[in-house]
Amino acid sequence: MSACIVGWAHLPFGKREGETLEDMIVKVAADAIDHAGIEPDQVDEIVLGHFNAGFSAQDFTASLVLQADDRLRFKPATRVENACATGSAAVRQGKRAIDAGASRIVLVVGAEQMTTTPGREIGQNLLRASYLPEDGDTPAGFAGVFGKIAHAYFQRHGDQSDALAHIAAKNHKNGVDNPYAQMRKDLGFDFCRQESEKNPFVAGPLKRTDCSLVSDGAAALVLADLETALTMKRAVAFRANEHVQDFLPMSKRDILLFDGCAEAWSRALANARVKLDDLSFVETHDCFTIAELIEYEAMGLAPRGEGAKVALEGQTEKGGRLPVNPSGGLKAKGHPIGATGVSMHVLTAMQLAGEAGGIQVEGAKLGGIFNMGGAAVANYVSILERIK
């Protein structure tokens, strides 16, 4: 428990017209420093999570964080990338700097600007998070990859369309009260379940409501070592923080098991000395609804092939056995790639600090986070607990 979150900032996700990537980075960096109650010159290190992959012409972005304040000049700043888990990779690098005693205070920023890219190029950019020799020609881009996963899951375990629609409807309902969410509309089960002009099939059995949103956005947090954190206004500690990397080609593994996700959860729960049912809520990576369904099984909430039961019985709704994605998840909140993992940590810290407003989970004590890159290739699990 050597690193703690002591401050944060979060922009509303969506199409942020009139703003550049730099504008978003500078805004959240300055706001997180202010929220932590520190001066910029107290920051020892900066980590920026930025996937890019063609979304931004500016590909060397770590130093953009320095634009937030001249006193950040000459601070070590590094950009990290690990596909859709880029934000959590940045959080982990910042935490490890503190764990190693190399830094006392670290500023972590995650950002992405996606909506200024033409639609066809968006799909091509995202597909770079797959194994191109096998999946490079997949129709519908990365949605096509998860469409194939959903099709294979349906073949093995039966049609799960009702469960996927319940997951989508749950997350959209949760997102209504999240001021940072891109889509704040309760679509309802029936709309999510039925194919329509506004909800067409996108890839395999996945409809538009099964897919996360293309977004612009940024989030930031300030990490401090335990001794420093205890002198500050708030402190949300890491009980565990695990990273598991799996093979990139789906052909080298049973893709329906999300083995890397399962291993990351197993290690995190063991290191935190807790059980899954001890958690108050989980923010998990619902890039597509089929991903959330399989993650129920990988985290141990349901036996293999029985994730649908968890969804259909309402076990993951607010007030259920284990609320999942009380923020609305990527489904409602949006998925600006580099920002997503940082956002998940910020919103979890807000929950534990009792500062989550309309999306607050009553009595939240322990929060779990799962963020993945690619199809369960880069797998990150954090378990957080407020200590001050």
Protein backbone atom coordinates (compact mmCIF):
# COMPACT_ATOMS: atom_id res chain seq x y z
CA MET A 1 0.00 0.00 0.00
CA SER A 2 2.80 2.37 -0.96
CA ALA A 3 0.98 4.51 -3.56
CA CYS A 4 -2.22 6.49 -3.20
CA ILE A 5 -4.44 8.60 -5.42
CA VAL A 6 -4.62 12.06 -3.85
CA GLY A 7 -6.22 14.17 -6.59
CA TRP A 8 -7.89 13.90 -9.96
CA ALA A 9 -9.59 15.60 -12.89
CA HIS A 10 -11.93 14.38 -15.63
CA LEU A 11 -13.35 16.03 -18.73
CA PRO A 12 -16.77 15.06 -20.10
CA PHE A 13 -16.19 12.56 -22.92
CA GLY A 14 -17.68 13.03 -26.37
CA LYS A 15 -17.10 15.13 -29.45
CA ARG A 16 -15.17 18.04 -27.99
CA GLU A 17 -15.32 20.49 -30.84
CA GLY A 18 -12.93 23.43 -30.90
CA GLU A 19 -10.40 21.69 -28.64
CA THR A 20 -7.10 20.08 -29.51
CA LEU A 21 -5.45 17.09 -27.89
CA GLU A 22 -3.07 19.53 -26.24
CA ASP A 23 -5.97 21.59 -24.84
CA MET A 24 -7.43 18.54 -23.14
CA ILE A 25 -4.10 17.36 -21.73
CA VAL A 26 -3.28 20.79 -20.32
CA LYS A 27 -6.73 21.22 -18.78
CA VAL A 28 -6.83 17.95 -16.84
CA ALA A 29 -3.18 18.18 -15.77
CA ALA A 30 -3.70 21.63 -14.25
CA ASP A 31 -7.01 20.64 -12.65
CA ALA A 32 -5.62 17.44 -11.09
CA ILE A 33 -2.68 19.32 -9.56
CA ASP A 34 -5.10 21.88 -8.14
CA HIS A 35 -7.45 19.18 -6.84
CA ALA A 36 -4.58 17.45 -5.04
CA GLY A 37 -3.68 20.72 -3.34
CA ILE A 38 -0.06 20.68 -4.46
CA GLU A 39 2.18 23.02 -6.43
CA PRO A 40 3.43 21.96 -9.88
CA ASP A 41 7.04 22.02 -8.72
CA GLN A 42 6.20 19.25 -6.22
CA VAL A 43 5.60 16.81 -9.08
CA ASP A 44 8.57 14.45 -9.46
CA GLU A 45 7.51 12.61 -12.61
CA ILE A 46 4.89 12.73 -15.37
CA VAL A 47 3.36 9.80 -17.27
CA LEU A 48 1.08 10.31 -20.26
CA GLY A 49 -1.15 7.58 -21.66
CA HIS A 50 -1.79 8.26 -25.36
CA PHE A 51 -2.56 5.46 -27.82
CA ASN A 52 -2.64 7.56 -31.02
CA ALA A 53 -2.12 4.93 -33.79
CA GLY A 54 -2.91 7.62 -36.36
CA PHE A 55 -5.55 9.66 -34.51
CA SER A 56 -3.16 12.58 -33.97
CA ALA A 57 -0.53 14.01 -36.31
CA GLN A 58 1.40 14.99 -33.19
CA ASP A 59 2.92 11.67 -32.20
CA PHE A 60 5.47 12.90 -29.63
CA THR A 61 3.17 14.05 -26.86
CA ALA A 62 4.70 13.50 -23.41
CA SER A 63 5.97 17.08 -23.17
CA LEU A 64 2.53 18.52 -23.89
CA VAL A 65 1.76 17.98 -20.20
CA LEU A 66 4.42 20.58 -19.36
CA GLN A 67 2.24 23.19 -21.07
CA ALA A 68 -0.02 23.10 -18.01
CA ASP A 69 2.49 25.11 -15.97
CA ASP A 70 6.00 26.41 -16.59
CA ARG A 71 7.07 24.91 -13.25
CA LEU A 72 6.71 21.43 -14.81
CA ARG A 73 9.61 22.21 -17.14
CA PHE A 74 12.50 19.73 -16.86
CA LYS A 75 10.38 17.12 -15.05
CA PRO A 76 10.85 13.62 -16.52
CA ALA A 77 7.85 12.90 -18.74
CA THR A 78 7.16 9.66 -20.59
CA ARG A 79 4.39 8.58 -22.92
CA VAL A 80 3.22 4.97 -22.61
CA GLU A 81 0.95 2.86 -24.84
CA ASN A 82 -0.69 -0.55 -24.46
CA ALA A 83 -3.68 -0.42 -26.82
CA CYS A 84 -7.01 0.17 -25.07
CA ALA A 85 -5.31 -0.33 -21.69
CA THR A 86 -2.96 2.59 -22.33
CA GLY A 87 -4.43 4.63 -19.45
CA SER A 88 -3.93 1.83 -16.93
CA ALA A 89 -0.41 1.29 -18.24
CA ALA A 90 0.28 4.94 -17.40
CA VAL A 91 -1.21 4.52 -13.92
CA ARG A 92 0.91 1.43 -13.31
CA GLN A 93 4.11 3.13 -14.46
CA GLY A 94 3.42 6.03 -12.11
CA LYS A 95 2.69 3.68 -9.23
CA ARG A 96 5.86 1.67 -9.87
CA ALA A 97 7.96 4.85 -9.77
CA ILE A 98 6.58 5.50 -6.30
CA ASP A 99 6.95 1.87 -5.21
CA ALA A 100 10.60 1.98 -6.26
CA GLY A 101 11.24 5.13 -4.25
CA ALA A 102 12.20 7.00 -7.42
CA SER A 103 9.37 9.52 -7.05
CA ARG A 104 7.25 10.88 -4.24
CA ILE A 105 4.53 12.53 -6.37
CA VAL A 106 3.61 11.48 -9.91
CA LEU A 107 1.17 13.15 -12.31
CA VAL A 108 -0.61 10.67 -14.60
CA VAL A 109 -2.60 11.88 -17.61
CA GLY A 110 -4.59 9.90 -20.18
CA ALA A 111 -5.95 11.47 -23.35
CA GLU A 112 -7.20 10.75 -26.85
CA GLN A 113 -8.84 12.72 -29.64
CA MET A 114 -10.72 10.40 -32.01
CA THR A 115 -13.69 12.24 -33.51
CA THR A 116 -11.66 14.43 -35.86
CA THR A 117 -10.59 11.29 -37.75
CA PRO A 118 -12.75 10.09 -40.69
CA GLY A 119 -14.86 7.03 -39.87
CA ARG A 120 -13.02 4.58 -42.12
CA GLU A 121 -9.67 5.61 -40.65
CA ILE A 122 -11.00 5.21 -37.10
CA GLY A 123 -11.68 1.54 -37.82
CA GLN A 124 -8.23 1.09 -39.35
CA ASN A 125 -6.53 2.78 -36.40
CA LEU A 126 -8.35 0.63 -33.86
CA LEU A 127 -7.66 -2.55 -35.79
CA ARG A 128 -3.97 -1.95 -35.09
CA ALA A 129 -4.73 -3.24 -31.59
CA SER A 130 -5.31 -6.70 -33.12
CA TYR A 131 -2.88 -9.19 -34.68
CA LEU A 132 -2.75 -7.92 -38.23
CA PRO A 133 -1.48 -11.10 -39.95
CA GLU A 134 -4.69 -12.83 -38.81
CA ASP A 135 -7.18 -10.01 -38.32
CA GLY A 136 -5.95 -7.18 -40.52
CA ASP A 137 -8.67 -7.70 -43.14
CA THR A 138 -11.55 -8.11 -40.66
CA PRO A 139 -14.68 -6.31 -41.91
CA ALA A 140 -15.98 -3.61 -39.53
CA GLY A 141 -12.55 -3.19 -37.92
CA PHE A 142 -12.21 -3.98 -34.23
CA ALA A 143 -15.98 -4.39 -33.92
CA GLY A 144 -15.55 -7.21 -36.41
CA VAL A 145 -13.00 -8.89 -34.15
CA PHE A 146 -15.44 -8.85 -31.22
CA GLY A 147 -18.25 -9.82 -33.57
CA LYS A 148 -16.31 -13.01 -34.27
CA ILE A 149 -15.81 -13.54 -30.53
CA ALA A 150 -19.54 -13.06 -29.90
CA HIS A 151 -20.42 -15.48 -32.71
CA ALA A 152 -18.07 -18.12 -31.28
CA TYR A 153 -19.50 -17.61 -27.78
CA PHE A 154 -23.06 -18.04 -29.11
CA GLN A 155 -22.02 -21.24 -30.89
CA ARG A 156 -20.54 -22.67 -27.69
CA HIS A 157 -23.09 -21.47 -25.14
CA GLY A 158 -26.21 -20.54 -27.10
CA ASP A 159 -27.74 -17.25 -28.20
CA GLN A 160 -26.97 -14.62 -25.57
CA SER A 161 -28.71 -11.67 -27.23
CA ASP A 162 -30.97 -11.06 -24.23
CA ALA A 163 -27.98 -10.91 -21.87
CA LEU A 164 -26.07 -8.53 -24.14
CA ALA A 165 -29.08 -6.24 -24.35
CA HIS A 166 -29.42 -6.28 -20.54
CA ILE A 167 -25.76 -5.27 -20.21
CA ALA A 168 -26.17 -2.44 -22.70
CA ALA A 169 -29.38 -1.21 -21.07
CA LYS A 170 -27.85 -1.39 -17.58
CA ASN A 171 -24.83 0.65 -18.56
CA HIS A 172 -26.85 3.27 -20.42
CA LYS A 173 -29.17 3.62 -17.43
CA ASN A 174 -26.17 4.06 -15.12
CA GLY A 175 -24.63 6.64 -17.44
CA VAL A 176 -27.64 8.98 -17.20
CA ASP A 177 -26.35 10.39 -13.91
CA ASN A 178 -22.68 10.53 -14.90
CA PRO A 179 -21.79 14.12 -15.88
CA TYR A 180 -18.69 12.84 -17.71
CA ALA A 181 -20.58 10.36 -19.92
CA GLN A 182 -20.91 10.92 -23.64
CA MET A 183 -24.39 9.37 -23.86
CA ARG A 184 -26.67 10.17 -20.94
CA LYS A 185 -29.80 8.42 -22.13
CA ASP A 186 -31.65 5.42 -20.72
CA LEU A 187 -32.23 3.43 -23.92
CA GLY A 188 -34.07 0.57 -22.24
CA PHE A 189 -33.87 -3.17 -22.82
CA ASP A 190 -36.30 -3.32 -25.74
CA PHE A 191 -34.39 -0.78 -27.83
CA CYS A 192 -31.07 -2.52 -27.12
CA ARG A 193 -32.54 -5.94 -27.89
CA GLN A 194 -34.21 -5.22 -31.20
CA GLU A 195 -32.56 -4.54 -34.52
CA SER A 196 -33.81 -1.25 -35.96
CA GLU A 197 -32.81 1.56 -38.25
CA LYS A 198 -31.27 3.31 -35.24
CA ASN A 199 -29.79 0.10 -33.85
CA PRO A 200 -28.53 -1.96 -36.80
CA PHE A 201 -26.26 -4.98 -36.66
CA VAL A 202 -22.63 -3.87 -36.86
CA ALA A 203 -20.65 -7.12 -36.77
CA GLY A 204 -21.89 -10.67 -36.27
CA PRO A 205 -24.56 -10.65 -33.53
CA LEU A 206 -23.39 -7.25 -32.21
CA LYS A 207 -25.66 -4.27 -32.77
CA ARG A 208 -24.78 -0.61 -32.42
CA THR A 209 -25.88 -0.66 -28.76
CA ASP A 210 -23.34 -3.44 -28.12
CA CYS A 211 -20.41 -1.19 -29.10
CA SER A 212 -18.64 1.52 -27.12
CA LEU A 213 -18.56 5.07 -28.42
CA VAL A 214 -15.85 6.87 -30.38
CA SER A 215 -14.84 9.73 -28.13
CA ASP A 216 -12.55 12.60 -27.31
CA GLY A 217 -11.54 13.01 -23.69
CA ALA A 218 -8.92 13.22 -21.00
CA ALA A 219 -8.52 12.38 -17.33
CA ALA A 220 -5.68 12.80 -14.86
CA LEU A 221 -4.73 11.80 -11.37
CA VAL A 222 -2.01 12.60 -8.87
CA LEU A 223 -0.26 9.73 -7.09
CA ALA A 224 1.72 10.12 -3.89
CA ASP A 225 3.63 7.81 -1.60
CA LEU A 226 1.82 6.71 1.54
CA GLU A 227 3.67 9.05 3.92
CA THR A 228 2.93 12.05 1.74
CA ALA A 229 -0.64 10.99 1.04
CA LEU A 230 -1.52 10.82 4.73
CA THR A 231 -0.71 14.53 5.05
CA MET A 232 -3.16 15.43 2.28
CA LYS A 233 -6.90 16.01 2.11
CA ARG A 234 -7.76 12.59 0.66
CA ALA A 235 -5.98 9.30 0.00
CA VAL A 236 -7.24 6.31 -1.98
CA ALA A 237 -4.72 3.49 -1.74
CA PHE A 238 -3.91 0.62 -4.09
CA ARG A 239 -4.60 -2.66 -2.33
CA ALA A 240 -3.45 -4.35 -5.54
CA ASN A 241 -2.34 -3.44 -9.06
CA GLU A 242 -1.62 -6.25 -11.51
CA HIS A 243 -0.62 -6.41 -15.15
CA VAL A 244 -0.82 -9.63 -17.17
CA GLN A 245 0.11 -9.73 -20.86
CA ASP A 246 -1.15 -12.55 -23.08
CA PHE A 247 -0.39 -13.69 -26.63
CA LEU A 248 -1.50 -11.26 -29.33
CA PRO A 249 -2.80 -13.83 -31.87
CA MET A 250 -6.21 -15.14 -30.86
CA SER A 251 -5.28 -18.41 -32.58
CA LYS A 252 -2.79 -19.15 -29.76
CA ARG A 253 -5.45 -19.19 -27.04
CA ASP A 254 -9.09 -19.94 -26.31
CA ILE A 255 -10.41 -16.42 -26.84
CA LEU A 256 -13.68 -17.19 -25.04
CA LEU A 257 -11.86 -17.66 -21.74
CA PHE A 258 -10.10 -14.28 -21.45
CA ASP A 259 -7.33 -16.12 -19.60
CA GLY A 260 -5.25 -12.97 -19.11
CA CYS A 261 -8.19 -11.24 -17.46
CA ALA A 262 -8.76 -14.23 -15.18
CA GLU A 263 -5.08 -14.36 -14.21
CA ALA A 264 -4.93 -10.63 -13.48
CA TRP A 265 -8.01 -10.84 -11.26
CA SER A 266 -6.66 -13.92 -9.46
CA ARG A 267 -3.37 -12.21 -8.67
CA ALA A 268 -5.00 -8.94 -7.62
CA LEU A 269 -7.51 -10.56 -5.27
CA ALA A 270 -4.77 -12.69 -3.71
CA ASN A 271 -2.42 -9.74 -3.22
CA ALA A 272 -5.20 -7.58 -1.79
CA ARG A 273 -6.21 -10.46 0.49
CA VAL A 274 -9.87 -10.11 -0.44
CA LYS A 275 -12.52 -12.08 -2.29
CA LEU A 276 -14.58 -10.83 -5.22
CA ASP A 277 -17.67 -10.55 -3.01
CA ASP A 278 -15.75 -8.18 -0.71
CA LEU A 279 -15.74 -5.56 -3.47
CA SER A 280 -18.38 -2.84 -3.39
CA PHE A 281 -18.39 -2.41 -7.18
CA VAL A 282 -16.32 -2.99 -10.30
CA GLU A 283 -15.53 -0.80 -13.29
CA THR A 284 -14.84 -3.21 -16.13
CA HIS A 285 -13.86 -2.89 -19.78
CA ASP A 286 -17.10 -3.09 -21.78
CA CYS A 287 -15.68 -2.05 -25.15
CA PHE A 288 -18.37 -4.42 -26.42
CA THR A 289 -21.13 -6.03 -24.38
CA ILE A 290 -19.77 -9.50 -25.13
CA ALA A 291 -16.55 -8.42 -23.41
CA GLU A 292 -18.38 -7.54 -20.19
CA LEU A 293 -20.24 -10.87 -20.34
CA ILE A 294 -17.04 -12.89 -20.66
CA GLU A 295 -15.39 -10.76 -17.98
CA TYR A 296 -18.09 -11.82 -15.49
CA GLU A 297 -16.81 -15.35 -15.95
CA ALA A 298 -13.12 -14.46 -16.00
CA MET A 299 -13.34 -12.48 -12.75
CA GLY A 300 -15.17 -15.38 -11.07
CA LEU A 301 -18.62 -13.82 -10.78
CA ALA A 302 -20.12 -16.69 -12.81
CA PRO A 303 -18.98 -20.14 -13.98
CA ARG A 304 -17.77 -20.43 -17.56
CA GLY A 305 -20.65 -20.17 -20.00
CA GLU A 306 -23.04 -18.82 -17.34
CA GLY A 307 -22.32 -15.10 -17.45
CA ALA A 308 -25.75 -14.47 -18.96
CA LYS A 309 -27.42 -15.57 -15.73
CA VAL A 310 -25.57 -12.86 -13.81
CA ALA A 311 -26.79 -10.23 -16.27
CA LEU A 312 -30.36 -11.45 -16.57
CA GLU A 313 -30.83 -11.77 -12.79
CA GLY A 314 -29.67 -8.18 -12.23
CA GLN A 315 -26.71 -9.22 -10.09
CA THR A 316 -24.51 -6.52 -11.65
CA GLU A 317 -27.00 -3.66 -11.39
CA LYS A 318 -26.69 -0.97 -8.73
CA GLY A 319 -28.07 -2.62 -5.61
CA GLY A 320 -27.23 -6.08 -6.95
CA ARG A 321 -24.69 -8.60 -5.71
CA LEU A 322 -21.81 -6.73 -7.35
CA PRO A 323 -22.58 -3.49 -9.21
CA VAL A 324 -20.60 -3.44 -12.47
CA ASN A 325 -19.95 -0.18 -14.30
CA PRO A 326 -21.97 2.18 -12.10
CA SER A 327 -20.38 4.94 -14.21
CA GLY A 328 -22.11 3.64 -17.34
CA GLY A 329 -18.88 2.02 -18.48
CA LEU A 330 -17.30 2.57 -21.86
CA LYS A 331 -20.73 1.83 -23.34
CA ALA A 332 -22.28 5.08 -22.09
CA LYS A 333 -19.24 7.05 -20.99
CA GLY A 334 -17.32 6.69 -24.26
CA HIS A 335 -13.91 5.20 -24.97
CA PRO A 336 -11.17 7.73 -25.80
CA ILE A 337 -8.48 5.06 -25.85
CA GLY A 338 -5.62 6.68 -23.92
CA ALA A 339 -7.96 8.22 -21.34
CA THR A 340 -10.08 5.19 -20.50
CA GLY A 341 -7.88 3.48 -17.90
CA VAL A 342 -7.13 6.75 -16.11
CA SER A 343 -10.85 7.56 -16.16
CA MET A 344 -11.65 4.21 -14.55
CA HIS A 345 -9.22 4.93 -11.72
CA VAL A 346 -10.52 8.47 -11.25
CA LEU A 347 -14.17 7.39 -11.09
CA THR A 348 -13.34 4.55 -8.71
CA ALA A 349 -11.45 6.94 -6.44
CA MET A 350 -14.42 9.31 -6.54
CA GLN A 351 -16.73 6.47 -5.48
CA LEU A 352 -14.51 5.53 -2.56
CA ALA A 353 -14.17 9.16 -1.48
CA GLY A 354 -17.96 9.53 -1.54
CA GLU A 355 -17.68 12.17 -4.26
CA ALA A 356 -19.37 10.36 -7.16
CA GLY A 357 -22.65 12.29 -7.07
CA GLY A 358 -25.53 10.63 -8.91
CA ILE A 359 -23.56 7.48 -9.73
CA GLN A 360 -22.48 6.94 -6.11
CA VAL A 361 -22.61 3.36 -4.85
CA GLU A 362 -23.87 3.59 -1.30
CA GLY A 363 -21.31 2.59 1.31
CA ALA A 364 -18.54 1.88 -1.21
CA LYS A 365 -15.43 0.59 0.57
CA LEU A 366 -13.46 -1.40 -2.02
CA GLY A 367 -13.48 -0.83 -5.77
CA GLY A 368 -12.19 -3.11 -8.50
CA ILE A 369 -11.04 -2.06 -11.97
CA PHE A 370 -10.39 -4.15 -15.08
CA ASN A 371 -9.01 -2.46 -18.19
CA MET A 372 -7.80 -4.43 -21.20
CA GLY A 373 -5.95 -3.75 -24.42
CA GLY A 374 -6.84 -5.70 -27.54
CA ALA A 375 -8.90 -8.84 -27.13
CA ALA A 376 -7.78 -9.61 -23.54
CA VAL A 377 -4.10 -9.17 -24.48
CA ALA A 378 -3.06 -6.40 -22.07
CA ASN A 379 -4.89 -7.00 -18.79
CA TYR A 380 -4.78 -4.64 -15.81
CA VAL A 381 -6.62 -5.06 -12.50
CA SER A 382 -6.52 -2.57 -9.62
CA ILE A 383 -8.23 -2.84 -6.25
CA LEU A 384 -8.60 0.49 -4.47
CA GLU A 385 -9.51 1.43 -0.90
CA ARG A 386 -9.90 4.82 0.73
CA ILE A 387 -7.62 5.27 3.73
CA LYS A 388 -8.21 8.98 4.33
